[in-house]
C-alpha cells in the first residue's frame, strides 16, 4: 500500500516521498536494514520502504528507492498487481524491451520480465497510471523510447 507524504510542505525536498507498506509474508527485493543515518532509516518502519517517482529526490536522499523498469522492486510490484487484479491488467500492460546485437537493435513486447534485455519499460493502451500524476506510456511511445535508448 502506498501512503502519501512525510510532509504537507510543498517546498520540502522530501515532499515527493511515499511510504510503501510491505505486507506480512512478502519478500520484495529491497534491503530491510538501511544504514542508520539515512532518510530510509529515520522515516520508514521495518515493514515500510520509502519510494519516490521523481529522480531528483535522489539528489537529496540517495537511500530512497525509485521503482523504475529494470529495478527489482518495479518488477515485483507489477507482478503483485497482475496477480491481484488477475486478467484485468494481464493483457493491458506489456513490457517493451530491447537489446543491441551485432549493432542492430531488437525490440519486443512480452507480458512480464521473461527475457533478458539491455533496457525495458512498460506500455499500455488502457490509460493505466504508475501514480496519480505519472501515466504509463502507450505501447507505441514505449517502443519509441526503447529505440532511442538503444541508439545512444
N, C-alpha and C. Protein backbone atom coordinates (compact mmCIF):
# COMPACT_ATOMS: atom_id res chain seq x y z
N UNK A 1 0.84 -1.18 0.00
CA UNK A 1 0.00 0.00 0.00
C UNK A 1 0.88 1.23 0.00
N UNK A 2 0.56 2.19 -0.84
CA UNK A 2 1.31 3.43 -0.95
C UNK A 2 0.63 4.48 -0.10
N UNK A 3 1.37 5.04 0.83
CA UNK A 3 0.84 6.04 1.74
C UNK A 3 1.56 7.35 1.48
N UNK A 4 0.80 8.38 1.16
CA UNK A 4 1.38 9.65 0.74
C UNK A 4 2.11 10.34 1.87
N UNK A 5 3.04 10.97 1.59
CA UNK A 5 3.90 12.01 2.07
C UNK A 5 4.24 12.12 3.53
N UNK A 6 5.47 12.48 3.68
CA UNK A 6 6.01 12.70 5.01
C UNK A 6 5.71 14.11 5.50
N UNK A 7 5.32 15.01 4.60
CA UNK A 7 5.06 16.40 4.98
C UNK A 7 4.01 17.01 4.06
N UNK A 8 3.37 18.03 4.54
CA UNK A 8 2.41 18.79 3.72
C UNK A 8 3.09 19.99 3.08
N UNK A 9 4.31 20.31 3.49
CA UNK A 9 5.06 21.46 2.97
C UNK A 9 5.45 21.19 1.52
N UNK A 10 4.83 21.91 0.60
CA UNK A 10 5.05 21.67 -0.83
C UNK A 10 6.47 22.00 -1.28
N UNK A 11 7.22 22.80 -0.50
CA UNK A 11 8.58 23.18 -0.88
C UNK A 11 9.64 22.24 -0.30
N UNK A 12 9.26 21.36 0.57
CA UNK A 12 10.23 20.46 1.21
C UNK A 12 10.75 19.45 0.19
N UNK A 13 12.06 19.16 0.22
CA UNK A 13 12.60 18.19 -0.75
C UNK A 13 12.03 16.79 -0.55
N UNK A 14 11.56 16.48 0.66
CA UNK A 14 11.01 15.16 0.91
C UNK A 14 9.50 15.12 0.72
N UNK A 15 8.94 16.15 0.10
CA UNK A 15 7.50 16.21 -0.16
C UNK A 15 7.07 15.12 -1.15
N UNK A 16 7.98 14.65 -1.98
CA UNK A 16 7.64 13.67 -3.00
C UNK A 16 7.96 12.23 -2.58
N UNK A 17 8.11 12.00 -1.29
CA UNK A 17 8.38 10.66 -0.80
C UNK A 17 7.09 9.97 -0.39
N UNK A 18 7.04 8.68 -0.62
CA UNK A 18 5.89 7.87 -0.25
C UNK A 18 6.37 6.72 0.63
N UNK A 19 5.53 6.31 1.55
CA UNK A 19 5.80 5.10 2.34
C UNK A 19 5.10 3.93 1.66
N UNK A 20 5.84 2.92 1.33
CA UNK A 20 5.28 1.71 0.75
C UNK A 20 5.28 0.66 1.84
N UNK A 21 4.09 0.27 2.28
CA UNK A 21 3.97 -0.75 3.32
C UNK A 21 4.19 -2.13 2.72
N UNK A 22 4.96 -2.93 3.42
CA UNK A 22 5.25 -4.28 2.97
C UNK A 22 4.39 -5.25 3.77
N UNK A 23 3.48 -5.95 3.11
CA UNK A 23 2.60 -6.88 3.83
C UNK A 23 3.40 -8.02 4.47
N UNK A 24 2.85 -8.56 5.55
CA UNK A 24 3.48 -9.69 6.22
C UNK A 24 3.61 -10.85 5.25
N UNK A 25 4.75 -11.47 5.24
CA UNK A 25 4.99 -12.61 4.36
C UNK A 25 5.52 -12.22 2.99
N UNK A 26 5.48 -10.94 2.64
CA UNK A 26 6.00 -10.50 1.34
C UNK A 26 7.52 -10.40 1.43
N UNK A 27 8.19 -10.59 0.31
CA UNK A 27 9.64 -10.54 0.28
C UNK A 27 10.11 -9.75 -0.94
N UNK A 28 9.86 -8.43 -0.96
CA UNK A 28 10.30 -7.65 -2.12
C UNK A 28 11.83 -7.55 -2.16
N UNK A 29 12.39 -7.34 -3.35
CA UNK A 29 13.85 -7.30 -3.50
C UNK A 29 14.45 -5.96 -3.08
N UNK A 30 14.37 -5.66 -1.79
CA UNK A 30 14.94 -4.42 -1.25
C UNK A 30 15.62 -4.73 0.07
N UNK A 31 16.53 -3.85 0.47
CA UNK A 31 17.22 -4.06 1.73
C UNK A 31 16.26 -3.81 2.89
N UNK A 32 16.33 -4.64 3.89
CA UNK A 32 15.46 -4.47 5.05
C UNK A 32 16.20 -3.85 6.23
N UNK A 33 17.46 -3.50 6.02
CA UNK A 33 18.26 -2.95 7.11
C UNK A 33 19.11 -1.79 6.59
N UNK A 34 18.49 -0.60 6.34
CA UNK A 34 19.25 0.52 5.80
C UNK A 34 20.20 1.11 6.84
N UNK A 35 21.28 1.77 6.42
CA UNK A 35 22.18 2.43 7.37
C UNK A 35 21.41 3.43 8.24
N UNK A 36 21.83 3.58 9.50
CA UNK A 36 21.10 4.39 10.48
C UNK A 36 20.99 5.87 10.12
N UNK A 37 21.92 6.40 9.35
CA UNK A 37 21.92 7.84 9.08
C UNK A 37 21.21 8.22 7.78
N UNK A 38 20.36 7.33 7.26
CA UNK A 38 19.65 7.62 6.01
C UNK A 38 18.20 7.98 6.29
N UNK A 39 17.60 8.68 5.36
CA UNK A 39 16.18 9.03 5.49
C UNK A 39 15.33 7.76 5.55
N UNK A 40 15.80 6.71 4.90
CA UNK A 40 15.10 5.42 4.92
C UNK A 40 14.99 4.91 6.36
N UNK A 41 16.09 5.00 7.11
CA UNK A 41 16.10 4.52 8.49
C UNK A 41 15.33 5.47 9.42
N UNK A 42 15.37 6.76 9.13
CA UNK A 42 14.73 7.75 10.00
C UNK A 42 13.21 7.78 9.88
N UNK A 43 12.69 7.62 8.68
CA UNK A 43 11.26 7.83 8.45
C UNK A 43 10.46 6.59 8.08
N UNK A 44 11.10 5.47 7.83
CA UNK A 44 10.37 4.25 7.46
C UNK A 44 10.49 3.22 8.57
N UNK A 45 9.38 2.59 8.89
CA UNK A 45 9.39 1.50 9.86
C UNK A 45 10.00 0.25 9.21
N UNK A 46 10.18 -0.78 9.99
CA UNK A 46 10.80 -2.00 9.47
C UNK A 46 9.95 -2.68 8.39
N UNK A 47 8.63 -2.44 8.40
CA UNK A 47 7.77 -3.05 7.38
C UNK A 47 7.38 -2.04 6.29
N UNK A 48 8.22 -1.01 6.10
CA UNK A 48 7.99 0.01 5.08
C UNK A 48 9.28 0.30 4.33
N UNK A 49 9.12 0.88 3.16
CA UNK A 49 10.25 1.40 2.40
C UNK A 49 9.81 2.73 1.81
N UNK A 50 10.73 3.70 1.81
CA UNK A 50 10.42 4.99 1.20
C UNK A 50 10.70 4.91 -0.28
N UNK A 51 9.72 5.30 -1.08
CA UNK A 51 9.87 5.31 -2.53
C UNK A 51 9.52 6.69 -3.06
N UNK A 52 9.99 6.96 -4.27
CA UNK A 52 9.67 8.20 -4.96
C UNK A 52 9.56 7.88 -6.44
N UNK A 53 8.92 8.77 -7.17
CA UNK A 53 8.78 8.59 -8.61
C UNK A 53 9.44 9.73 -9.36
N UNK A 54 10.21 10.55 -8.65
CA UNK A 54 10.91 11.69 -9.22
C UNK A 54 12.41 11.49 -8.98
N UNK A 55 13.21 11.28 -10.02
CA UNK A 55 14.65 11.04 -9.83
C UNK A 55 15.39 12.17 -9.11
N UNK A 56 14.87 13.39 -9.14
CA UNK A 56 15.53 14.49 -8.44
C UNK A 56 15.60 14.27 -6.94
N UNK A 57 14.70 13.45 -6.41
CA UNK A 57 14.71 13.14 -4.97
C UNK A 57 16.04 12.50 -4.57
N UNK A 58 16.65 11.75 -5.50
CA UNK A 58 17.91 11.08 -5.18
C UNK A 58 19.04 12.07 -4.88
N UNK A 59 18.93 13.31 -5.40
CA UNK A 59 19.93 14.33 -5.08
C UNK A 59 19.93 14.64 -3.59
N UNK A 60 18.77 14.57 -2.96
CA UNK A 60 18.63 14.86 -1.54
C UNK A 60 18.76 13.61 -0.69
N UNK A 61 18.14 12.52 -1.16
CA UNK A 61 18.04 11.30 -0.36
C UNK A 61 18.38 10.07 -1.20
N UNK A 62 19.66 9.73 -1.31
CA UNK A 62 20.04 8.59 -2.14
C UNK A 62 19.55 7.23 -1.65
N UNK A 63 19.07 7.15 -0.41
CA UNK A 63 18.59 5.86 0.08
C UNK A 63 17.16 5.56 -0.35
N UNK A 64 16.47 6.54 -0.91
CA UNK A 64 15.10 6.34 -1.37
C UNK A 64 15.12 5.45 -2.61
N UNK A 65 14.15 4.58 -2.73
CA UNK A 65 14.05 3.66 -3.86
C UNK A 65 13.14 4.25 -4.92
N UNK A 66 13.59 4.23 -6.16
CA UNK A 66 12.75 4.66 -7.28
C UNK A 66 12.46 3.40 -8.10
N UNK A 67 11.25 2.87 -7.99
CA UNK A 67 10.94 1.61 -8.67
C UNK A 67 10.66 1.82 -10.16
N UNK A 68 11.72 1.83 -10.94
CA UNK A 68 11.62 2.00 -12.39
C UNK A 68 11.77 0.65 -13.08
N UNK A 69 11.34 0.56 -14.33
CA UNK A 69 11.56 -0.69 -15.06
C UNK A 69 13.03 -1.10 -14.98
N UNK A 70 13.29 -2.37 -14.90
CA UNK A 70 14.60 -2.99 -14.73
C UNK A 70 15.03 -3.02 -13.26
N UNK A 71 14.32 -2.33 -12.38
CA UNK A 71 14.61 -2.40 -10.95
C UNK A 71 13.77 -3.54 -10.37
N UNK A 72 14.37 -4.33 -9.53
CA UNK A 72 13.69 -5.49 -8.98
C UNK A 72 12.38 -5.16 -8.30
N UNK A 73 12.31 -4.02 -7.59
CA UNK A 73 11.08 -3.65 -6.90
C UNK A 73 9.96 -3.35 -7.89
N UNK A 74 10.27 -2.70 -9.00
CA UNK A 74 9.25 -2.42 -10.01
C UNK A 74 8.66 -3.72 -10.55
N UNK A 75 9.56 -4.65 -10.91
CA UNK A 75 9.11 -5.94 -11.44
C UNK A 75 8.26 -6.67 -10.40
N UNK A 76 8.69 -6.62 -9.15
CA UNK A 76 7.97 -7.28 -8.06
C UNK A 76 6.57 -6.68 -7.90
N UNK A 77 6.49 -5.34 -7.86
CA UNK A 77 5.19 -4.67 -7.69
C UNK A 77 4.27 -4.95 -8.86
N UNK A 78 4.81 -4.92 -10.07
CA UNK A 78 3.99 -5.20 -11.25
C UNK A 78 3.44 -6.63 -11.19
N UNK A 79 4.28 -7.58 -10.84
CA UNK A 79 3.81 -8.96 -10.72
C UNK A 79 2.73 -9.09 -9.65
N UNK A 80 2.90 -8.37 -8.51
CA UNK A 80 1.89 -8.40 -7.45
C UNK A 80 0.57 -7.81 -7.95
N UNK A 81 0.64 -6.70 -8.68
CA UNK A 81 -0.58 -6.07 -9.21
C UNK A 81 -1.28 -7.01 -10.18
N UNK A 82 -0.52 -7.62 -11.05
CA UNK A 82 -1.12 -8.54 -12.03
C UNK A 82 -1.77 -9.71 -11.31
N UNK A 83 -1.09 -10.24 -10.29
CA UNK A 83 -1.69 -11.36 -9.53
C UNK A 83 -2.98 -10.92 -8.84
N UNK A 84 -2.96 -9.72 -8.22
CA UNK A 84 -4.13 -9.23 -7.50
C UNK A 84 -5.31 -8.93 -8.43
N UNK A 85 -5.01 -8.39 -9.58
CA UNK A 85 -6.07 -7.98 -10.50
C UNK A 85 -6.44 -9.06 -11.50
N UNK A 86 -5.67 -10.12 -11.53
CA UNK A 86 -5.96 -11.22 -12.46
C UNK A 86 -5.82 -10.77 -13.90
N UNK A 87 -6.71 -11.22 -14.74
CA UNK A 87 -6.60 -10.91 -16.16
C UNK A 87 -7.02 -9.48 -16.49
N UNK A 88 -7.47 -8.73 -15.49
CA UNK A 88 -7.87 -7.34 -15.75
C UNK A 88 -6.75 -6.54 -16.38
N UNK A 89 -5.53 -6.71 -15.89
CA UNK A 89 -4.41 -5.96 -16.45
C UNK A 89 -3.41 -6.83 -17.18
N UNK A 90 -3.53 -8.13 -17.07
CA UNK A 90 -2.52 -9.01 -17.63
C UNK A 90 -2.24 -8.70 -19.10
N UNK A 91 -3.28 -8.40 -19.85
CA UNK A 91 -3.08 -8.12 -21.27
C UNK A 91 -3.13 -6.63 -21.58
N UNK A 92 -3.33 -5.80 -20.57
CA UNK A 92 -3.37 -4.35 -20.79
C UNK A 92 -2.01 -3.70 -20.64
N UNK A 93 -1.14 -4.28 -19.83
CA UNK A 93 0.19 -3.74 -19.61
C UNK A 93 1.20 -4.70 -20.21
N UNK A 94 2.08 -4.18 -21.08
CA UNK A 94 3.09 -5.02 -21.70
C UNK A 94 4.48 -4.47 -21.40
N UNK A 95 5.41 -5.37 -21.29
CA UNK A 95 6.81 -4.98 -21.13
C UNK A 95 7.38 -4.78 -22.53
N UNK A 96 7.98 -3.64 -22.75
CA UNK A 96 8.64 -3.34 -24.01
C UNK A 96 10.13 -3.35 -23.72
N UNK A 97 10.86 -4.24 -24.39
CA UNK A 97 12.27 -4.43 -24.08
C UNK A 97 13.11 -4.39 -25.34
N UNK A 98 14.40 -4.23 -25.14
CA UNK A 98 15.28 -4.20 -26.30
C UNK A 98 16.70 -4.55 -25.95
N UNK A 99 17.43 -4.92 -26.99
CA UNK A 99 18.84 -5.28 -26.86
C UNK A 99 19.52 -4.95 -28.18
N UNK A 100 20.80 -4.71 -28.14
CA UNK A 100 21.58 -4.49 -29.36
C UNK A 100 22.51 -5.68 -29.54
N UNK A 101 22.38 -6.34 -30.69
CA UNK A 101 23.25 -7.46 -31.03
C UNK A 101 23.77 -7.23 -32.43
N UNK A 102 25.08 -7.37 -32.59
CA UNK A 102 25.73 -7.12 -33.89
C UNK A 102 25.35 -5.75 -34.44
N UNK A 103 25.30 -4.76 -33.53
CA UNK A 103 25.00 -3.36 -33.87
C UNK A 103 23.58 -3.14 -34.40
N UNK A 104 22.72 -4.12 -34.23
CA UNK A 104 21.33 -4.00 -34.67
C UNK A 104 20.42 -4.05 -33.44
N UNK A 105 19.57 -3.02 -33.29
CA UNK A 105 18.64 -3.06 -32.16
C UNK A 105 17.47 -4.01 -32.43
N UNK A 106 17.10 -4.75 -31.42
CA UNK A 106 15.93 -5.63 -31.49
C UNK A 106 15.00 -5.21 -30.36
N UNK A 107 13.73 -4.97 -30.69
CA UNK A 107 12.74 -4.53 -29.71
C UNK A 107 11.58 -5.52 -29.75
N UNK A 108 11.08 -5.89 -28.56
CA UNK A 108 9.97 -6.83 -28.48
C UNK A 108 9.07 -6.47 -27.31
N UNK A 109 7.88 -7.07 -27.31
CA UNK A 109 6.96 -6.89 -26.18
C UNK A 109 6.67 -8.28 -25.59
N UNK A 110 6.38 -8.27 -24.30
CA UNK A 110 6.03 -9.50 -23.59
C UNK A 110 5.23 -9.12 -22.36
N UNK A 111 4.47 -10.05 -21.79
CA UNK A 111 3.60 -9.71 -20.67
C UNK A 111 4.35 -9.35 -19.38
N UNK A 112 5.54 -9.89 -19.18
CA UNK A 112 6.32 -9.57 -17.98
C UNK A 112 7.79 -9.82 -18.29
N UNK A 113 8.64 -9.60 -17.30
CA UNK A 113 10.09 -9.74 -17.49
C UNK A 113 10.48 -11.20 -17.63
N UNK A 114 10.40 -11.71 -18.84
CA UNK A 114 10.73 -13.10 -19.10
C UNK A 114 12.07 -13.24 -19.81
N UNK A 115 12.42 -12.25 -20.62
CA UNK A 115 13.60 -12.32 -21.46
C UNK A 115 14.60 -11.25 -21.03
N UNK A 116 15.88 -11.63 -20.85
CA UNK A 116 16.88 -10.62 -20.50
C UNK A 116 16.96 -9.53 -21.58
N UNK A 117 17.11 -8.29 -21.14
CA UNK A 117 17.17 -7.17 -22.06
C UNK A 117 18.17 -6.14 -21.56
N UNK A 118 18.66 -5.31 -22.47
CA UNK A 118 19.54 -4.21 -22.08
C UNK A 118 18.74 -3.08 -21.44
N UNK A 119 17.59 -2.79 -22.01
CA UNK A 119 16.69 -1.77 -21.48
C UNK A 119 15.26 -2.26 -21.59
N UNK A 120 14.40 -1.73 -20.72
CA UNK A 120 12.99 -2.12 -20.76
C UNK A 120 12.15 -1.06 -20.09
N UNK A 121 10.91 -0.98 -20.52
CA UNK A 121 9.92 -0.12 -19.89
C UNK A 121 8.58 -0.83 -20.06
N UNK A 122 7.51 -0.18 -19.67
CA UNK A 122 6.18 -0.78 -19.80
C UNK A 122 5.28 0.18 -20.55
N UNK A 123 4.34 -0.38 -21.28
CA UNK A 123 3.38 0.42 -22.03
C UNK A 123 1.99 -0.16 -21.92
N UNK A 124 1.01 0.67 -22.25
CA UNK A 124 -0.38 0.22 -22.18
C UNK A 124 -1.22 1.07 -23.12
N UNK A 125 -2.33 0.52 -23.52
CA UNK A 125 -3.32 1.29 -24.27
C UNK A 125 -4.53 1.56 -23.39
N UNK A 126 -4.48 1.12 -22.12
CA UNK A 126 -5.63 1.18 -21.22
C UNK A 126 -5.61 2.37 -20.27
N UNK A 127 -4.73 3.33 -20.50
CA UNK A 127 -4.66 4.53 -19.66
C UNK A 127 -4.35 4.18 -18.20
N UNK A 128 -3.47 3.21 -17.98
CA UNK A 128 -3.03 2.86 -16.62
C UNK A 128 -2.03 3.90 -16.13
N UNK A 129 -1.93 4.05 -14.81
CA UNK A 129 -1.02 5.02 -14.23
C UNK A 129 -0.12 4.35 -13.20
N UNK A 130 1.13 4.86 -13.11
CA UNK A 130 2.03 4.42 -12.04
C UNK A 130 1.65 5.11 -10.74
N UNK A 131 1.34 6.40 -10.84
CA UNK A 131 0.87 7.19 -9.70
C UNK A 131 -0.22 8.09 -10.24
N UNK A 132 -0.78 8.93 -9.40
CA UNK A 132 -1.82 9.84 -9.86
C UNK A 132 -1.33 10.77 -10.97
N UNK A 133 -0.05 11.15 -10.94
CA UNK A 133 0.44 12.11 -11.92
C UNK A 133 1.43 11.51 -12.93
N UNK A 134 1.64 10.20 -12.92
CA UNK A 134 2.58 9.57 -13.85
C UNK A 134 1.87 8.45 -14.61
N UNK A 135 1.39 8.73 -15.84
CA UNK A 135 0.75 7.67 -16.61
C UNK A 135 1.78 6.76 -17.27
N UNK A 136 1.41 5.51 -17.51
CA UNK A 136 2.25 4.63 -18.32
C UNK A 136 2.15 5.11 -19.76
N UNK A 137 3.25 5.04 -20.51
CA UNK A 137 3.18 5.46 -21.92
C UNK A 137 2.40 4.44 -22.74
N UNK A 138 1.99 4.86 -23.92
CA UNK A 138 1.37 3.90 -24.84
C UNK A 138 2.44 2.92 -25.29
N UNK A 139 2.02 1.80 -25.83
CA UNK A 139 2.98 0.81 -26.31
C UNK A 139 3.84 1.41 -27.42
N UNK A 140 3.24 2.20 -28.29
CA UNK A 140 3.98 2.85 -29.38
C UNK A 140 5.04 3.81 -28.82
N UNK A 141 4.67 4.62 -27.82
CA UNK A 141 5.61 5.56 -27.21
C UNK A 141 6.72 4.80 -26.48
N UNK A 142 6.37 3.69 -25.84
CA UNK A 142 7.37 2.88 -25.13
C UNK A 142 8.38 2.30 -26.12
N UNK A 143 7.90 1.82 -27.27
CA UNK A 143 8.81 1.29 -28.29
C UNK A 143 9.73 2.38 -28.82
N UNK A 144 9.20 3.56 -29.01
CA UNK A 144 10.00 4.69 -29.48
C UNK A 144 11.07 5.05 -28.45
N UNK A 145 10.70 5.03 -27.18
CA UNK A 145 11.64 5.32 -26.10
C UNK A 145 12.76 4.28 -26.06
N UNK A 146 12.41 3.01 -26.19
CA UNK A 146 13.41 1.94 -26.20
C UNK A 146 14.34 2.11 -27.40
N UNK A 147 13.78 2.41 -28.56
CA UNK A 147 14.57 2.61 -29.78
C UNK A 147 15.58 3.73 -29.56
N UNK A 148 15.12 4.84 -28.92
CA UNK A 148 16.01 5.97 -28.63
C UNK A 148 17.12 5.56 -27.66
N UNK A 149 16.76 4.83 -26.60
CA UNK A 149 17.77 4.40 -25.63
C UNK A 149 18.82 3.50 -26.28
N UNK A 150 18.39 2.61 -27.15
CA UNK A 150 19.31 1.67 -27.79
C UNK A 150 20.22 2.36 -28.81
N UNK A 151 19.78 3.50 -29.33
CA UNK A 151 20.60 4.20 -30.33
C UNK A 151 21.71 5.03 -29.68
N UNK A 152 21.68 5.17 -28.38
CA UNK A 152 22.69 6.00 -27.71
C UNK A 152 23.91 5.22 -27.32
